[in-house]
Amino acid sequence: MLGGTAGIALPALGGCGRAPAAPAPELAVLVGAIAAEQDLIALYEAARGAHASLAGRLAPVLAHHREHLAVLRRHYVPGSGRFARTAPLPAPRAQRVPGDPSGALAALRSAESRAAAARAAEAGRAGPGLAQLLASIGACEAGHAAALARPA
């Protein structure tokens, strides 16, 4: 009896070795989230480059966004832990920052608020695993917006 059961189970286990590719709508959400994180990183780097006095304040937030990007890229092929080359990712867009530090902080706050709202909207179009990740990133971005509103 055991031998017959094992014969049935082995073919079923054969498909466990590789993670399935992300469904097309979820892949589009993921690519959009990756592009948005790349753009936020570019904005923070531009602000830090234009306003050295903000570098210390922006460094932890920039590190968070780099972590977000790394995690999103790992989920590009859900569950595989590797980055897929099936669809090209957009390059980050060049970012302009206001000439004064307070204007730069306002621009960053605005970008964080928009990003938080976008992640919430994207979570509604994603499967449960990706939705949790996007919601977590969105919550972090909302926290960044609030932190940037506080005096240094």
N, C-alpha and C. Protein backbone atom coordinates (compact mmCIF):
# COMPACT_ATOMS: atom_id res chain seq x y z
N MET A 1 0.82 -1.19 0.00
CA MET A 1 0.00 0.00 0.00
C MET A 1 0.86 1.25 0.00
N LEU A 2 1.88 1.28 0.80
CA LEU A 2 2.75 2.45 0.89
C LEU A 2 3.43 2.72 -0.45
N GLY A 3 3.87 1.67 -1.13
CA GLY A 3 4.54 1.86 -2.40
C GLY A 3 3.65 2.52 -3.44
N GLY A 4 2.38 2.18 -3.47
CA GLY A 4 1.45 2.78 -4.41
C GLY A 4 1.21 4.25 -4.12
N THR A 5 1.16 4.61 -2.86
CA THR A 5 0.95 6.00 -2.48
C THR A 5 2.16 6.84 -2.84
N ALA A 6 3.35 6.30 -2.62
CA ALA A 6 4.56 7.05 -2.93
C ALA A 6 4.65 7.33 -4.42
N GLY A 7 4.22 6.39 -5.23
CA GLY A 7 4.25 6.59 -6.67
C GLY A 7 3.35 7.72 -7.12
N ILE A 8 2.28 7.94 -6.42
CA ILE A 8 1.36 9.03 -6.76
C ILE A 8 1.92 10.37 -6.28
N ALA A 9 2.55 10.37 -5.12
CA ALA A 9 3.04 11.61 -4.53
C ALA A 9 4.25 12.16 -5.27
N LEU A 10 5.11 11.30 -5.77
CA LEU A 10 6.33 11.80 -6.40
C LEU A 10 6.08 12.68 -7.62
N PRO A 11 5.20 12.33 -8.54
CA PRO A 11 4.96 13.24 -9.66
C PRO A 11 4.40 14.58 -9.19
N ALA A 12 3.59 14.57 -8.17
CA ALA A 12 3.02 15.83 -7.68
C ALA A 12 4.09 16.72 -7.09
N LEU A 13 5.11 16.13 -6.48
CA LEU A 13 6.19 16.92 -5.88
C LEU A 13 7.16 17.45 -6.92
N GLY A 14 7.14 16.90 -8.10
CA GLY A 14 8.07 17.33 -9.14
C GLY A 14 7.94 18.79 -9.50
N GLY A 15 6.77 19.38 -9.35
CA GLY A 15 6.56 20.78 -9.70
C GLY A 15 6.96 21.75 -8.62
N CYS A 16 7.48 21.27 -7.50
CA CYS A 16 7.79 22.15 -6.37
C CYS A 16 9.13 22.86 -6.51
N GLY A 17 9.94 22.47 -7.46
CA GLY A 17 11.29 23.01 -7.54
C GLY A 17 11.40 24.45 -7.98
N ARG A 18 10.45 24.94 -8.74
CA ARG A 18 10.55 26.29 -9.30
C ARG A 18 9.33 27.11 -8.97
N ALA A 19 9.55 28.35 -8.64
CA ALA A 19 8.42 29.24 -8.35
C ALA A 19 7.76 29.64 -9.66
N PRO A 20 6.44 29.71 -9.68
CA PRO A 20 5.76 30.15 -10.90
C PRO A 20 6.02 31.63 -11.15
N ALA A 21 6.00 31.99 -12.40
CA ALA A 21 6.18 33.41 -12.74
C ALA A 21 4.98 34.20 -12.23
N ALA A 22 5.21 35.45 -11.94
CA ALA A 22 4.14 36.32 -11.44
C ALA A 22 3.09 36.49 -12.53
N PRO A 23 1.81 36.46 -12.16
CA PRO A 23 0.77 36.75 -13.15
C PRO A 23 0.97 38.15 -13.72
N ALA A 24 0.56 38.35 -14.95
CA ALA A 24 0.81 39.62 -15.64
C ALA A 24 0.36 40.85 -14.85
N PRO A 25 -0.86 40.90 -14.28
CA PRO A 25 -1.25 42.10 -13.53
C PRO A 25 -0.36 42.34 -12.31
N GLU A 26 -0.01 41.26 -11.60
CA GLU A 26 0.85 41.42 -10.43
C GLU A 26 2.25 41.84 -10.85
N LEU A 27 2.73 41.34 -11.95
CA LEU A 27 4.05 41.72 -12.45
C LEU A 27 4.07 43.21 -12.76
N ALA A 28 3.02 43.72 -13.36
CA ALA A 28 2.94 45.15 -13.67
C ALA A 28 2.95 45.98 -12.39
N VAL A 29 2.25 45.53 -11.37
CA VAL A 29 2.24 46.23 -10.07
C VAL A 29 3.64 46.24 -9.49
N LEU A 30 4.29 45.09 -9.53
CA LEU A 30 5.63 44.97 -8.96
C LEU A 30 6.64 45.84 -9.71
N VAL A 31 6.59 45.83 -11.02
CA VAL A 31 7.50 46.67 -11.81
C VAL A 31 7.25 48.14 -11.51
N GLY A 32 5.98 48.53 -11.36
CA GLY A 32 5.66 49.92 -11.00
C GLY A 32 6.20 50.30 -9.64
N ALA A 33 6.09 49.40 -8.67
CA ALA A 33 6.61 49.67 -7.33
C ALA A 33 8.13 49.78 -7.34
N ILE A 34 8.78 48.92 -8.12
CA ILE A 34 10.24 48.99 -8.23
C ILE A 34 10.65 50.33 -8.85
N ALA A 35 9.99 50.72 -9.92
CA ALA A 35 10.31 52.00 -10.57
C ALA A 35 10.09 53.17 -9.61
N ALA A 36 9.02 53.12 -8.84
CA ALA A 36 8.74 54.20 -7.89
C ALA A 36 9.81 54.28 -6.81
N GLU A 37 10.27 53.14 -6.32
CA GLU A 37 11.34 53.15 -5.31
C GLU A 37 12.63 53.69 -5.91
N GLN A 38 12.93 53.30 -7.14
CA GLN A 38 14.13 53.83 -7.80
C GLN A 38 14.05 55.34 -7.91
N ASP A 39 12.87 55.86 -8.25
CA ASP A 39 12.70 57.30 -8.38
C ASP A 39 12.83 58.00 -7.02
N LEU A 40 12.29 57.40 -5.96
CA LEU A 40 12.44 57.99 -4.63
C LEU A 40 13.91 58.02 -4.22
N ILE A 41 14.62 56.95 -4.49
CA ILE A 41 16.05 56.91 -4.17
C ILE A 41 16.78 58.01 -4.93
N ALA A 42 16.47 58.16 -6.21
CA ALA A 42 17.10 59.21 -7.01
C ALA A 42 16.78 60.60 -6.46
N LEU A 43 15.55 60.80 -5.99
CA LEU A 43 15.17 62.09 -5.41
C LEU A 43 15.94 62.36 -4.13
N TYR A 44 16.05 61.36 -3.26
CA TYR A 44 16.82 61.52 -2.02
C TYR A 44 18.29 61.78 -2.31
N GLU A 45 18.85 61.06 -3.27
CA GLU A 45 20.26 61.28 -3.62
C GLU A 45 20.47 62.68 -4.18
N ALA A 46 19.53 63.16 -4.99
CA ALA A 46 19.63 64.52 -5.53
C ALA A 46 19.53 65.55 -4.41
N ALA A 47 18.61 65.34 -3.48
CA ALA A 47 18.45 66.28 -2.36
C ALA A 47 19.69 66.28 -1.48
N ARG A 48 20.23 65.11 -1.22
CA ARG A 48 21.44 65.01 -0.41
C ARG A 48 22.62 65.68 -1.11
N GLY A 49 22.71 65.50 -2.42
CA GLY A 49 23.79 66.12 -3.18
C GLY A 49 23.66 67.63 -3.25
N ALA A 50 22.44 68.13 -3.32
CA ALA A 50 22.21 69.58 -3.43
C ALA A 50 22.28 70.28 -2.08
N HIS A 51 22.01 69.54 -1.01
CA HIS A 51 21.94 70.15 0.32
C HIS A 51 22.69 69.28 1.32
N ALA A 52 23.99 69.49 1.41
CA ALA A 52 24.83 68.70 2.32
C ALA A 52 24.34 68.78 3.76
N SER A 53 23.72 69.89 4.13
CA SER A 53 23.23 70.04 5.50
C SER A 53 22.11 69.05 5.84
N LEU A 54 21.48 68.46 4.83
CA LEU A 54 20.40 67.50 5.05
C LEU A 54 20.89 66.05 5.04
N ALA A 55 22.15 65.83 4.71
CA ALA A 55 22.66 64.47 4.50
C ALA A 55 22.40 63.56 5.70
N GLY A 56 22.68 64.02 6.90
CA GLY A 56 22.48 63.18 8.08
C GLY A 56 21.02 62.84 8.31
N ARG A 57 20.16 63.77 8.06
CA ARG A 57 18.72 63.55 8.26
C ARG A 57 18.14 62.61 7.20
N LEU A 58 18.66 62.70 5.99
CA LEU A 58 18.12 61.90 4.90
C LEU A 58 18.71 60.50 4.82
N ALA A 59 19.89 60.30 5.39
CA ALA A 59 20.59 59.01 5.27
C ALA A 59 19.75 57.82 5.74
N PRO A 60 19.10 57.88 6.91
CA PRO A 60 18.32 56.70 7.33
C PRO A 60 17.13 56.41 6.41
N VAL A 61 16.49 57.46 5.92
CA VAL A 61 15.34 57.27 5.04
C VAL A 61 15.82 56.70 3.70
N LEU A 62 16.92 57.20 3.20
CA LEU A 62 17.49 56.67 1.96
C LEU A 62 17.84 55.20 2.13
N ALA A 63 18.39 54.84 3.28
CA ALA A 63 18.71 53.43 3.54
C ALA A 63 17.44 52.58 3.54
N HIS A 64 16.35 53.09 4.11
CA HIS A 64 15.08 52.35 4.08
C HIS A 64 14.64 52.11 2.64
N HIS A 65 14.73 53.14 1.81
CA HIS A 65 14.28 52.98 0.42
C HIS A 65 15.17 51.99 -0.33
N ARG A 66 16.44 51.97 -0.03
CA ARG A 66 17.31 50.98 -0.67
C ARG A 66 16.92 49.56 -0.24
N GLU A 67 16.54 49.41 1.03
CA GLU A 67 16.07 48.11 1.51
C GLU A 67 14.76 47.73 0.82
N HIS A 68 13.84 48.70 0.70
CA HIS A 68 12.58 48.43 0.00
C HIS A 68 12.85 47.93 -1.41
N LEU A 69 13.74 48.62 -2.11
CA LEU A 69 14.05 48.25 -3.49
C LEU A 69 14.64 46.85 -3.56
N ALA A 70 15.54 46.53 -2.65
CA ALA A 70 16.15 45.20 -2.64
C ALA A 70 15.09 44.11 -2.43
N VAL A 71 14.17 44.34 -1.52
CA VAL A 71 13.12 43.35 -1.25
C VAL A 71 12.18 43.23 -2.45
N LEU A 72 11.80 44.34 -3.03
CA LEU A 72 10.93 44.28 -4.21
C LEU A 72 11.60 43.53 -5.35
N ARG A 73 12.88 43.77 -5.54
CA ARG A 73 13.60 43.06 -6.62
C ARG A 73 13.67 41.56 -6.34
N ARG A 74 13.81 41.18 -5.08
CA ARG A 74 13.81 39.75 -4.76
C ARG A 74 12.46 39.11 -5.05
N HIS A 75 11.40 39.88 -4.99
CA HIS A 75 10.07 39.36 -5.24
C HIS A 75 9.65 39.49 -6.70
N TYR A 76 10.55 39.95 -7.54
CA TYR A 76 10.23 40.11 -8.95
C TYR A 76 9.76 38.79 -9.55
N VAL A 77 10.36 37.68 -9.14
CA VAL A 77 9.85 36.35 -9.43
C VAL A 77 9.44 35.84 -8.06
N PRO A 78 8.15 35.94 -7.72
CA PRO A 78 7.70 35.65 -6.36
C PRO A 78 8.22 34.32 -5.82
N GLY A 79 8.83 34.40 -4.66
CA GLY A 79 9.30 33.22 -3.97
C GLY A 79 10.60 32.64 -4.46
N SER A 80 11.17 33.14 -5.54
CA SER A 80 12.36 32.51 -6.09
C SER A 80 13.64 33.06 -5.48
N GLY A 81 13.60 34.26 -4.92
CA GLY A 81 14.81 34.87 -4.38
C GLY A 81 15.77 35.34 -5.44
N ARG A 82 15.34 35.38 -6.68
CA ARG A 82 16.23 35.85 -7.75
C ARG A 82 15.49 36.86 -8.62
N PHE A 83 16.25 37.61 -9.35
CA PHE A 83 15.71 38.66 -10.19
C PHE A 83 15.48 38.11 -11.59
N ALA A 84 14.29 38.28 -12.10
CA ALA A 84 13.96 37.79 -13.44
C ALA A 84 14.41 38.78 -14.50
N ARG A 85 14.79 38.28 -15.62
CA ARG A 85 15.20 39.14 -16.74
C ARG A 85 14.14 39.13 -17.84
N THR A 86 12.92 38.71 -17.52
CA THR A 86 11.91 38.57 -18.56
C THR A 86 11.35 39.90 -19.03
N ALA A 87 11.34 40.90 -18.19
CA ALA A 87 10.81 42.21 -18.58
C ALA A 87 11.78 43.27 -18.10
N PRO A 88 12.14 44.20 -18.96
CA PRO A 88 13.09 45.22 -18.53
C PRO A 88 12.45 46.17 -17.52
N LEU A 89 13.24 46.58 -16.56
CA LEU A 89 12.78 47.56 -15.59
C LEU A 89 13.14 48.95 -16.09
N PRO A 90 12.27 49.91 -15.85
CA PRO A 90 12.61 51.27 -16.27
C PRO A 90 13.77 51.81 -15.44
N ALA A 91 14.55 52.65 -16.06
CA ALA A 91 15.65 53.31 -15.33
C ALA A 91 15.05 54.41 -14.46
N PRO A 92 15.71 54.72 -13.34
CA PRO A 92 15.19 55.82 -12.51
C PRO A 92 15.20 57.12 -13.29
N ARG A 93 14.20 57.94 -13.03
CA ARG A 93 14.12 59.24 -13.69
C ARG A 93 15.01 60.24 -12.96
N ALA A 94 15.61 61.14 -13.72
CA ALA A 94 16.41 62.22 -13.11
C ALA A 94 15.49 63.08 -12.26
N GLN A 95 15.97 63.47 -11.11
CA GLN A 95 15.14 64.22 -10.17
C GLN A 95 15.71 65.61 -9.95
N ARG A 96 14.82 66.59 -9.87
CA ARG A 96 15.20 67.97 -9.56
C ARG A 96 14.71 68.27 -8.16
N VAL A 97 15.51 69.00 -7.42
CA VAL A 97 15.11 69.39 -6.07
C VAL A 97 15.15 70.90 -5.95
N PRO A 98 14.29 71.46 -5.11
CA PRO A 98 14.32 72.91 -4.89
C PRO A 98 15.68 73.35 -4.37
N GLY A 99 16.00 74.61 -4.61
CA GLY A 99 17.30 75.15 -4.26
C GLY A 99 17.52 75.40 -2.78
N ASP A 100 16.47 75.41 -1.99
CA ASP A 100 16.65 75.65 -0.55
C ASP A 100 16.31 74.37 0.22
N PRO A 101 16.95 74.13 1.36
CA PRO A 101 16.71 72.90 2.13
C PRO A 101 15.25 72.70 2.54
N SER A 102 14.57 73.77 2.94
CA SER A 102 13.17 73.60 3.36
C SER A 102 12.30 73.21 2.17
N GLY A 103 12.58 73.75 1.02
CA GLY A 103 11.85 73.36 -0.19
C GLY A 103 12.13 71.91 -0.57
N ALA A 104 13.39 71.50 -0.39
CA ALA A 104 13.75 70.11 -0.68
C ALA A 104 13.01 69.16 0.26
N LEU A 105 12.94 69.51 1.54
CA LEU A 105 12.22 68.68 2.50
C LEU A 105 10.73 68.61 2.15
N ALA A 106 10.17 69.73 1.74
CA ALA A 106 8.76 69.74 1.34
C ALA A 106 8.53 68.83 0.13
N ALA A 107 9.45 68.88 -0.82
CA ALA A 107 9.34 68.02 -2.01
C ALA A 107 9.44 66.55 -1.62
N LEU A 108 10.34 66.23 -0.69
CA LEU A 108 10.49 64.85 -0.24
C LEU A 108 9.23 64.39 0.51
N ARG A 109 8.69 65.25 1.37
CA ARG A 109 7.45 64.90 2.09
C ARG A 109 6.33 64.61 1.11
N SER A 110 6.20 65.46 0.12
CA SER A 110 5.15 65.28 -0.89
C SER A 110 5.35 63.97 -1.66
N ALA A 111 6.58 63.69 -2.04
CA ALA A 111 6.88 62.45 -2.76
C ALA A 111 6.58 61.23 -1.89
N GLU A 112 6.90 61.30 -0.61
CA GLU A 112 6.62 60.19 0.31
C GLU A 112 5.12 59.98 0.46
N SER A 113 4.36 61.07 0.57
CA SER A 113 2.90 60.95 0.70
C SER A 113 2.29 60.33 -0.55
N ARG A 114 2.75 60.76 -1.72
CA ARG A 114 2.25 60.17 -2.97
C ARG A 114 2.63 58.70 -3.06
N ALA A 115 3.85 58.39 -2.64
CA ALA A 115 4.31 56.99 -2.69
C ALA A 115 3.48 56.11 -1.76
N ALA A 116 3.19 56.61 -0.56
CA ALA A 116 2.39 55.83 0.39
C ALA A 116 1.00 55.54 -0.20
N ALA A 117 0.40 56.54 -0.81
CA ALA A 117 -0.93 56.35 -1.42
C ALA A 117 -0.85 55.37 -2.59
N ALA A 118 0.21 55.46 -3.37
CA ALA A 118 0.37 54.56 -4.51
C ALA A 118 0.55 53.11 -4.06
N ARG A 119 1.35 52.88 -2.99
CA ARG A 119 1.54 51.52 -2.50
C ARG A 119 0.22 50.94 -2.00
N ALA A 120 -0.61 51.76 -1.34
CA ALA A 120 -1.91 51.28 -0.87
C ALA A 120 -2.79 50.88 -2.06
N ALA A 121 -2.79 51.69 -3.10
CA ALA A 121 -3.58 51.37 -4.29
C ALA A 121 -3.05 50.10 -4.97
N GLU A 122 -1.73 49.97 -5.05
CA GLU A 122 -1.13 48.79 -5.68
C GLU A 122 -1.45 47.53 -4.88
N ALA A 123 -1.48 47.64 -3.57
CA ALA A 123 -1.78 46.48 -2.73
C ALA A 123 -3.14 45.90 -3.07
N GLY A 124 -4.06 46.74 -3.46
CA GLY A 124 -5.39 46.28 -3.85
C GLY A 124 -5.42 45.52 -5.16
N ARG A 125 -4.36 45.62 -5.94
CA ARG A 125 -4.28 44.92 -7.23
C ARG A 125 -3.32 43.74 -7.20
N ALA A 126 -2.79 43.42 -6.03
CA ALA A 126 -1.78 42.37 -5.92
C ALA A 126 -2.32 41.19 -5.14
N GLY A 127 -1.65 40.06 -5.28
CA GLY A 127 -1.98 38.89 -4.48
C GLY A 127 -1.60 39.13 -3.02
N PRO A 128 -2.01 38.24 -2.13
CA PRO A 128 -1.81 38.47 -0.70
C PRO A 128 -0.37 38.72 -0.27
N GLY A 129 0.58 37.95 -0.77
CA GLY A 129 1.97 38.12 -0.36
C GLY A 129 2.54 39.47 -0.77
N LEU A 130 2.36 39.81 -2.03
CA LEU A 130 2.86 41.10 -2.52
C LEU A 130 2.08 42.25 -1.88
N ALA A 131 0.79 42.06 -1.66
CA ALA A 131 -0.03 43.11 -1.03
C ALA A 131 0.50 43.43 0.36
N GLN A 132 0.89 42.42 1.12
CA GLN A 132 1.45 42.66 2.45
C GLN A 132 2.73 43.47 2.36
N LEU A 133 3.58 43.10 1.42
CA LEU A 133 4.84 43.82 1.25
C LEU A 133 4.59 45.27 0.86
N LEU A 134 3.71 45.49 -0.10
CA LEU A 134 3.41 46.85 -0.54
C LEU A 134 2.79 47.68 0.57
N ALA A 135 1.90 47.07 1.35
CA ALA A 135 1.29 47.79 2.47
C ALA A 135 2.34 48.18 3.50
N SER A 136 3.27 47.29 3.75
CA SER A 136 4.34 47.58 4.71
C SER A 136 5.23 48.72 4.21
N ILE A 137 5.58 48.67 2.95
CA ILE A 137 6.40 49.75 2.37
C ILE A 137 5.63 51.06 2.40
N GLY A 138 4.35 51.01 2.05
CA GLY A 138 3.52 52.22 2.09
C GLY A 138 3.43 52.81 3.48
N ALA A 139 3.30 51.97 4.49
CA ALA A 139 3.26 52.46 5.87
C ALA A 139 4.58 53.13 6.24
N CYS A 140 5.67 52.56 5.79
CA CYS A 140 6.99 53.15 6.05
C CYS A 140 7.10 54.50 5.35
N GLU A 141 6.61 54.58 4.13
CA GLU A 141 6.66 55.85 3.40
C GLU A 141 5.80 56.91 4.07
N ALA A 142 4.65 56.53 4.59
CA ALA A 142 3.82 57.48 5.34
C ALA A 142 4.56 57.96 6.59
N GLY A 143 5.26 57.05 7.23
CA GLY A 143 6.08 57.42 8.39
C GLY A 143 7.20 58.37 8.02
N HIS A 144 7.80 58.15 6.86
CA HIS A 144 8.85 59.06 6.39
C HIS A 144 8.29 60.47 6.19
N ALA A 145 7.11 60.55 5.58
CA ALA A 145 6.49 61.87 5.34
C ALA A 145 6.26 62.58 6.66
N ALA A 146 5.77 61.86 7.65
CA ALA A 146 5.53 62.46 8.97
C ALA A 146 6.84 62.88 9.63
N ALA A 147 7.86 62.05 9.53
CA ALA A 147 9.15 62.37 10.15
C ALA A 147 9.80 63.59 9.49
N LEU A 148 9.65 63.72 8.19
CA LEU A 148 10.24 64.86 7.49
C LEU A 148 9.50 66.16 7.81
N ALA A 149 8.29 66.06 8.32
CA ALA A 149 7.52 67.26 8.69
C ALA A 149 7.96 67.82 10.04
N ARG A 150 8.61 66.99 10.84
CA ARG A 150 9.07 67.44 12.16
C ARG A 150 10.34 68.26 12.03
N PRO A 151 10.52 69.24 12.91
CA PRO A 151 11.77 70.01 12.89
C PRO A 151 12.97 69.11 13.19
N ALA A 152 14.08 69.44 12.59
CA ALA A 152 15.30 68.63 12.79
C ALA A 152 15.83 68.74 14.19
